[in-house]
Amino acid sequence: GYIVLFQVLLCALDLFGILTFFSQLFTFGQATGFGKGILSGFIEMTSGINLMSQFHGIHPRILLSCTSLVLGFGGICIHAQTFGIIKYYNKKTYLTGKSLQGMFSSIITYLFYPIWISDTPVFYTHIPTQQELNGELYLTLFLLAVTLLLYLIFLILSYVRSKK
């Protein structure tokens, strides 16, 4: 119900030009489509991120940082759903925490963008050689063996502990 309500609210704000007006204020008259996406995301997260994903005039670093901001904050729609379930939690503390989470997510994404994002295209057409495949297979088998060994140690320790 909340998602439909907030989606209708977004459509009404867009229809009356309110969303465009505030997005122009927010972006100082530049890239109103992108500003609409951010503002929509603060109201209803998935709609805002969908709008931002359709806008290609912004550098990917900025786009991902703003997406992290919206994802970290969550949107008023999600907060309304949360407040409907959680009765005895301080709403001011929750909103402060979600705002800080959005800010920190955005900053971390912006700072670590060059490390996390490579220049490799999304549809990478490299066909691995047999040697590369064997290396990945051996690594996978090694990690599986270590995991099984740790699991066995855990079982032995829990068995010994239960006998005491």
C-alpha atoms as a PDB file:
ATOM      1  CA  GLY A   1       0.000   0.000   0.000  1.00  0.00           C
ATOM      2  CA  TYR A   2       2.763   2.453   0.875  1.00  0.00           C
ATOM      3  CA  ILE A   3       4.553   1.875  -2.421  1.00  0.00           C
ATOM      4  CA  VAL A   4       1.413   2.610  -4.439  1.00  0.00           C
ATOM      5  CA  LEU A   5       0.624   5.656  -2.286  1.00  0.00           C
ATOM      6  CA  PHE A   6       4.080   7.142  -2.714  1.00  0.00           C
ATOM      7  CA  GLN A   7       4.160   6.296  -6.429  1.00  0.00           C
ATOM      8  CA  VAL A   8       0.887   8.204  -6.877  1.00  0.00           C
ATOM      9  CA  LEU A   9       2.363  11.068  -4.840  1.00  0.00           C
ATOM     10  CA  LEU A  10       5.414  11.143  -7.123  1.00  0.00           C
ATOM     11  CA  CYS A  11       3.220  11.170 -10.240  1.00  0.00           C
ATOM     12  CA  ALA A  12       1.155  14.037  -8.815  1.00  0.00           C
ATOM     13  CA  LEU A  13       4.292  16.023  -7.920  1.00  0.00           C
ATOM     14  CA  ASP A  14       5.624  15.449 -11.423  1.00  0.00           C
ATOM     15  CA  LEU A  15       2.303  16.296 -13.092  1.00  0.00           C
ATOM     16  CA  PHE A  16       2.022  19.639 -11.291  1.00  0.00           C
ATOM     17  CA  GLY A  17       5.688  20.490 -11.973  1.00  0.00           C
ATOM     18  CA  ILE A  18       6.648  20.535  -8.306  1.00  0.00           C
ATOM     19  CA  LEU A  19       9.246  17.800  -8.714  1.00  0.00           C
ATOM     20  CA  THR A  20      10.829  19.609 -11.682  1.00  0.00           C
ATOM     21  CA  PHE A  21      10.866  22.915  -9.786  1.00  0.00           C
ATOM     22  CA  PHE A  22      12.637  21.447  -6.744  1.00  0.00           C
ATOM     23  CA  SER A  23      15.029  19.423  -8.878  1.00  0.00           C
ATOM     24  CA  GLN A  24      16.093  22.618 -10.673  1.00  0.00           C
ATOM     25  CA  LEU A  25      16.687  24.263  -7.299  1.00  0.00           C
ATOM     26  CA  PHE A  26      18.556  21.201  -6.090  1.00  0.00           C
ATOM     27  CA  THR A  27      20.847  21.027  -9.150  1.00  0.00           C
ATOM     28  CA  PHE A  28      21.108  24.791  -9.727  1.00  0.00           C
ATOM     29  CA  GLY A  29      19.263  24.544 -13.046  1.00  0.00           C
ATOM     30  CA  GLN A  30      21.471  21.744 -14.387  1.00  0.00           C
ATOM     31  CA  ALA A  31      20.470  18.172 -15.246  1.00  0.00           C
ATOM     32  CA  THR A  32      16.869  18.298 -14.037  1.00  0.00           C
ATOM     33  CA  GLY A  33      16.276  14.661 -14.989  1.00  0.00           C
ATOM     34  CA  PHE A  34      19.048  13.591 -12.658  1.00  0.00           C
ATOM     35  CA  GLY A  35      17.804  15.883  -9.898  1.00  0.00           C
ATOM     36  CA  LYS A  36      14.311  14.438 -10.330  1.00  0.00           C
ATOM     37  CA  GLY A  37      15.790  10.994  -9.847  1.00  0.00           C
ATOM     38  CA  ILE A  38      17.504  11.946  -6.598  1.00  0.00           C
ATOM     39  CA  LEU A  39      14.435  13.713  -5.198  1.00  0.00           C
ATOM     40  CA  SER A  40      12.189  10.850  -6.293  1.00  0.00           C
ATOM     41  CA  GLY A  41      14.585   8.454  -4.586  1.00  0.00           C
ATOM     42  CA  PHE A  42      14.249  10.320  -1.307  1.00  0.00           C
ATOM     43  CA  ILE A  43      10.481   9.863  -1.580  1.00  0.00           C
ATOM     44  CA  GLU A  44      10.271   6.360  -3.113  1.00  0.00           C
ATOM     45  CA  MET A  45      13.646   4.683  -3.505  1.00  0.00           C
ATOM     46  CA  THR A  46      13.105   2.324  -6.448  1.00  0.00           C
ATOM     47  CA  SER A  47      11.426   4.932  -8.655  1.00  0.00           C
ATOM     48  CA  GLY A  48      14.237   7.385  -8.009  1.00  0.00           C
ATOM     49  CA  ILE A  49      16.966   4.894  -8.769  1.00  0.00           C
ATOM     50  CA  ASN A  50      15.132   3.895 -11.937  1.00  0.00           C
ATOM     51  CA  LEU A  51      15.059   7.545 -13.046  1.00  0.00           C
ATOM     52  CA  MET A  52      18.745   8.007 -12.225  1.00  0.00           C
ATOM     53  CA  SER A  53      19.694   4.887 -14.179  1.00  0.00           C
ATOM     54  CA  GLN A  54      18.084   6.343 -17.322  1.00  0.00           C
ATOM     55  CA  PHE A  55      20.143   9.532 -17.150  1.00  0.00           C
ATOM     56  CA  HIS A  56      23.464   9.248 -18.981  1.00  0.00           C
ATOM     57  CA  GLY A  57      24.734  12.842 -18.773  1.00  0.00           C
ATOM     58  CA  ILE A  58      26.534  12.393 -15.461  1.00  0.00           C
ATOM     59  CA  HIS A  59      29.906  10.745 -14.792  1.00  0.00           C
ATOM     60  CA  PRO A  60      29.433   7.193 -13.443  1.00  0.00           C
ATOM     61  CA  ARG A  61      31.322   8.087 -10.257  1.00  0.00           C
ATOM     62  CA  ILE A  62      28.759  10.787  -9.410  1.00  0.00           C
ATOM     63  CA  LEU A  63      25.863   8.584 -10.531  1.00  0.00           C
ATOM     64  CA  LEU A  64      26.944   5.682  -8.310  1.00  0.00           C
ATOM     65  CA  SER A  65      27.628   8.000  -5.368  1.00  0.00           C
ATOM     66  CA  CYS A  66      24.133   9.490  -5.626  1.00  0.00           C
ATOM     67  CA  THR A  67      22.648   6.017  -5.991  1.00  0.00           C
ATOM     68  CA  SER A  68      24.498   4.973  -2.827  1.00  0.00           C
ATOM     69  CA  LEU A  69      23.097   8.028  -1.075  1.00  0.00           C
ATOM     70  CA  VAL A  70      19.534   7.105  -2.014  1.00  0.00           C
ATOM     71  CA  LEU A  71      20.033   3.404  -1.186  1.00  0.00           C
ATOM     72  CA  GLY A  72      21.621   4.244   2.158  1.00  0.00           C
ATOM     73  CA  PHE A  73      18.834   6.651   3.121  1.00  0.00           C
ATOM     74  CA  GLY A  74      16.081   4.366   1.858  1.00  0.00           C
ATOM     75  CA  GLY A  75      13.340   6.843   1.007  1.00  0.00           C
ATOM     76  CA  ILE A  76      10.374   8.157   2.963  1.00  0.00           C
ATOM     77  CA  CYS A  77       8.224   5.279   1.682  1.00  0.00           C
ATOM     78  CA  ILE A  78      10.492   2.722   3.338  1.00  0.00           C
ATOM     79  CA  HIS A  79      10.627   4.778   6.531  1.00  0.00           C
ATOM     80  CA  ALA A  80       6.825   4.892   6.643  1.00  0.00           C
ATOM     81  CA  GLN A  81       6.728   1.104   6.292  1.00  0.00           C
ATOM     82  CA  THR A  82       9.327   0.734   9.054  1.00  0.00           C
ATOM     83  CA  PHE A  83       7.477   3.090  11.397  1.00  0.00           C
ATOM     84  CA  GLY A  84       4.322   1.061  10.825  1.00  0.00           C
ATOM     85  CA  ILE A  85       6.025  -2.032  12.202  1.00  0.00           C
ATOM     86  CA  ILE A  86       8.394  -0.685  14.852  1.00  0.00           C
ATOM     87  CA  LYS A  87       6.430   0.890  17.683  1.00  0.00           C
ATOM     88  CA  TYR A  88       8.916   1.426  20.506  1.00  0.00           C
ATOM     89  CA  TYR A  89      11.908   2.772  18.614  1.00  0.00           C
ATOM     90  CA  ASN A  90      12.983   6.395  18.578  1.00  0.00           C
ATOM     91  CA  LYS A  91      12.059   7.645  15.109  1.00  0.00           C
ATOM     92  CA  LYS A  92      14.411  10.632  15.329  1.00  0.00           C
ATOM     93  CA  THR A  93      17.361   8.329  16.054  1.00  0.00           C
ATOM     94  CA  TYR A  94      16.330   6.040  13.199  1.00  0.00           C
ATOM     95  CA  LEU A  95      16.090   8.894  10.679  1.00  0.00           C
ATOM     96  CA  THR A  96      19.400  10.342  11.861  1.00  0.00           C
ATOM     97  CA  GLY A  97      21.052   6.946  11.443  1.00  0.00           C
ATOM     98  CA  LYS A  98      19.589   6.413   7.968  1.00  0.00           C
ATOM     99  CA  SER A  99      20.708   9.909   6.925  1.00  0.00           C
ATOM    100  CA  LEU A 100      24.226   9.209   8.165  1.00  0.00           C
ATOM    101  CA  GLN A 101      24.191   5.822   6.432  1.00  0.00           C
ATOM    102  CA  GLY A 102      23.255   7.524   3.153  1.00  0.00           C
ATOM    103  CA  MET A 103      25.978  10.145   3.565  1.00  0.00           C
ATOM    104  CA  PHE A 104      28.681   7.637   4.468  1.00  0.00           C
ATOM    105  CA  SER A 105      27.656   5.262   1.640  1.00  0.00           C
ATOM    106  CA  SER A 106      27.890   8.098  -0.841  1.00  0.00           C
ATOM    107  CA  ILE A 107      31.288   9.265   0.432  1.00  0.00           C
ATOM    108  CA  ILE A 108      32.732   5.739   0.500  1.00  0.00           C
ATOM    109  CA  THR A 109      31.450   5.044  -3.018  1.00  0.00           C
ATOM    110  CA  TYR A 110      32.940   8.296  -4.300  1.00  0.00           C
ATOM    111  CA  LEU A 111      36.326   7.706  -2.639  1.00  0.00           C
ATOM    112  CA  PHE A 112      36.681   4.041  -3.584  1.00  0.00           C
ATOM    113  CA  TYR A 113      35.214   4.278  -7.093  1.00  0.00           C
ATOM    114  CA  PRO A 114      38.641   4.085  -8.826  1.00  0.00           C
ATOM    115  CA  ILE A 115      39.527   0.957  -6.839  1.00  0.00           C
ATOM    116  CA  TRP A 116      36.214  -0.916  -7.200  1.00  0.00           C
ATOM    117  CA  ILE A 117      35.332  -0.037 -10.782  1.00  0.00           C
ATOM    118  CA  SER A 118      37.712  -1.147 -13.504  1.00  0.00           C
ATOM    119  CA  ASP A 119      37.835  -0.134 -17.131  1.00  0.00           C
ATOM    120  CA  THR A 120      36.871  -3.643 -18.184  1.00  0.00           C
ATOM    121  CA  PRO A 121      33.677  -3.543 -20.235  1.00  0.00           C
ATOM    122  CA  VAL A 122      30.556  -5.148 -18.808  1.00  0.00           C
ATOM    123  CA  PHE A 123      30.350  -7.626 -21.659  1.00  0.00           C
ATOM    124  CA  TYR A 124      33.914  -8.866 -21.516  1.00  0.00           C
ATOM    125  CA  THR A 125      34.568 -11.169 -24.451  1.00  0.00           C
ATOM    126  CA  HIS A 126      37.743 -12.834 -23.170  1.00  0.00           C
ATOM    127  CA  ILE A 127      37.547 -16.615 -23.455  1.00  0.00           C
ATOM    128  CA  PRO A 128      39.671 -18.138 -20.687  1.00  0.00           C
ATOM    129  CA  THR A 129      42.369 -20.636 -21.568  1.00  0.00           C
ATOM    130  CA  GLN A 130      42.434 -24.127 -20.101  1.00  0.00           C
ATOM    131  CA  GLN A 131      45.270 -23.070 -17.783  1.00  0.00           C
ATOM    132  CA  GLU A 132      43.164 -20.184 -16.405  1.00  0.00           C
ATOM    133  CA  LEU A 133      40.199 -22.502 -15.901  1.00  0.00           C
ATOM    134  CA  ASN A 134      42.390 -25.057 -14.111  1.00  0.00           C
ATOM    135  CA  GLY A 135      43.745 -22.338 -11.816  1.00  0.00           C
ATOM    136  CA  GLU A 136      40.227 -21.264 -10.886  1.00  0.00           C
ATOM    137  CA  LEU A 137      39.190 -24.886 -10.374  1.00  0.00           C
ATOM    138  CA  TYR A 138      42.137 -25.563  -8.058  1.00  0.00           C
ATOM    139  CA  LEU A 139      41.421 -22.392  -6.082  1.00  0.00           C
ATOM    140  CA  THR A 140      37.764 -23.361  -5.722  1.00  0.00           C
ATOM    141  CA  LEU A 141      38.671 -26.883  -4.581  1.00  0.00           C
ATOM    142  CA  PHE A 142      41.214 -25.511  -2.114  1.00  0.00           C
ATOM    143  CA  LEU A 143      38.657 -23.113  -0.599  1.00  0.00           C
ATOM    144  CA  LEU A 144      36.115 -25.929  -0.397  1.00  0.00           C
ATOM    145  CA  ALA A 145      38.652 -28.155   1.392  1.00  0.00           C
ATOM    146  CA  VAL A 146      39.508 -25.392   3.886  1.00  0.00           C
ATOM    147  CA  THR A 147      35.799 -24.806   4.533  1.00  0.00           C
ATOM    148  CA  LEU A 148      35.195 -28.532   5.133  1.00  0.00           C
ATOM    149  CA  LEU A 149      38.231 -28.724   7.406  1.00  0.00           C
ATOM    150  CA  LEU A 150      36.987 -25.787   9.487  1.00  0.00           C
ATOM    151  CA  TYR A 151      33.540 -27.357   9.654  1.00  0.00           C
ATOM    152  CA  LEU A 152      35.011 -30.656  10.882  1.00  0.00           C
ATOM    153  CA  ILE A 153      37.044 -28.823  13.532  1.00  0.00           C
ATOM    154  CA  PHE A 154      33.867 -27.047  14.635  1.00  0.00           C
ATOM    155  CA  LEU A 155      32.000 -30.380  14.858  1.00  0.00           C
ATOM    156  CA  ILE A 156      34.804 -31.991  16.871  1.00  0.00           C
ATOM    157  CA  LEU A 157      34.990 -29.034  19.273  1.00  0.00           C
ATOM    158  CA  SER A 158      31.246 -28.984  19.776  1.00  0.00           C
ATOM    159  CA  TYR A 159      31.241 -32.764  20.382  1.00  0.00           C
ATOM    160  CA  VAL A 160      34.047 -32.458  22.943  1.00  0.00           C
ATOM    161  CA  ARG A 161      32.282 -29.531  24.625  1.00  0.00           C
ATOM    162  CA  SER A 162      29.002 -31.468  24.868  1.00  0.00           C
ATOM    163  CA  LYS A 163      30.763 -34.415  26.606  1.00  0.00           C
ATOM    164  CA  LYS A 164      32.025 -32.205  29.458  1.00  0.00           C
END
